[in-house]
Amino acid sequence: MEGLSRSLQWGAAALALTLGLGCGAASAAEFYKGKRINVYIGSSPGGGYDQYGRLVGRHMGKHIAGKPTFLPRNMPGASGRRALQYIYAKAARDGSALGIVLRGTLFDPLMYPGKGIDFDVTEMTWIGSANSEVTTCVTWHTTGLATLDDFRTKGITVGAVGPNSTGTIFAKLLNQVSGTKIGIVTGYPSSSQVHLAMERGEVQGRCGLGWDSIVARMQNWLRDKKINIVVQFGMRKHKDIPNVLFAMDLARNDADRKVMELMFGPNLMGRPFFGPPGIPEDRAGVLRTAFIATMKDPAFLKEAKNLDVAIDPLDGKEVAALVKRIYGMPKQVVEDVRTILASRRGLSERKANYYDVKAKILEVKRKGRRISFMEKGKKVQASVGGSATKITIAGKKAKRSKLKAGLECTITYEGHRTQAKAIACN
């Protein structure tokens, strides 16, 4: 019934928009005829936000009169701040530029004041969100830690990318509101490296793993019961895991609930699309209507299913209202959240264990993002980061796309499936 109600609301909104735009709609159609719309993606190719940005771009143009093409343009850097700053200050404001960045980055001005963040998110033109997210805290099956009481009595060590990553923030929140003893080891190059550390027994779990990511990429974990799903974080429970402890139920009072609303709010707008401030209202309306039409397009939904990409959309008005609500939270609630984020209790930095392997590259996959080679008689793999891996060929700096099978190289990494720190080839 909830899905039906939302569909009826969208249908009514689209009809009202169509009737109300009049000549404006015609002018927007003329504008978009043969136009190219740049979609700035605030992360590297291959990640979740990149996947959503490209998927929506492949289908949204056919729902706009004039059939514009959508061109994905990756702009990684500073956890999405680089792309967000560009869209806010430099991107065209005529309706030909859209963006999708890490949802948490949209609230950096609120959470980290005085850090040189120069954009006002409330001024953005909100188009919609492709999915709402529920994040989980999981442990590896061999740890014997399967409940929150285990976290309180025995303690646990989780891995995270950085001190401000979701995995760190949600672990800190549990310590704050439920008395858990979670130690957090930061400094892993990526979430996949945290997962490897969990499999190897370096850490015991991870807080901050999206349920949709588990379903899309870690089905074997579920099938083989490799993980214990201990807590879920979000504004509402996920329908797939109704019996998993809901973090909101841990709130001791209204102040705790407000803190959680502020911290979980970004999850509700899991994959947000937006444009810069000042897009003409008729063109913004066309984009919003096309976005919702895309979310219901059978061809789009079929491709999303094939890619294991979850779709649970919000329209542009819902996203704008959520942003306004979060930025309008009481001052004390904001201060409480900032205190949690600033806390260093339980934080430690991982110890890197890099070593060199001299080997011939056997295979190069995903345009240089993954290489394979032999180590101690076994075929192993290493991932290659865009900026995190230093690459040289014949003594000269090179891009990962220049890596080829047959090159003799020295690979500096931490073992099978980890990210290489350096690759030096002859």
Foldseek 3Di string as FASTA:
>chain_A
DVVVVVVVVLVVLLVCLVVPCVVLLVVLLVVQQQAEAEEEEAADPDDDLNVVSVLLQVQLQVLRRNSYHYDYDYDYDPQRLRVVVCQAPPDDQALRYKYWGFLVVLCCCLQPPPPPRPGDSLQWLFQKFFDFWKWFKKFFPPPPDAEQVCQQPVNFEAEEADLQAQQNLVVLLCCVQPVGRYFYAYNAPDVVSRVVCRVVVVGTITTGHIPLCCQQPVVVCVVVVGMHTYEMAAPDDDPVCVPHHYVCVSHPDPLSNLLSCLVRLSSRRRITMTGYGDHPPSSSSSSNSSSVVLSVDPVSVVVCVVNSHDGDMDTRVVVSVSVVVSVPRDPVSSVVSSVSSPDCPSYDYDDFDKDKDWFFWADAPPLQQKTWTDDPRDIAMAGEDQPQEFEEEPRHTDGSNPDDGGWTWIWIHRDGHYHTNYIYTD
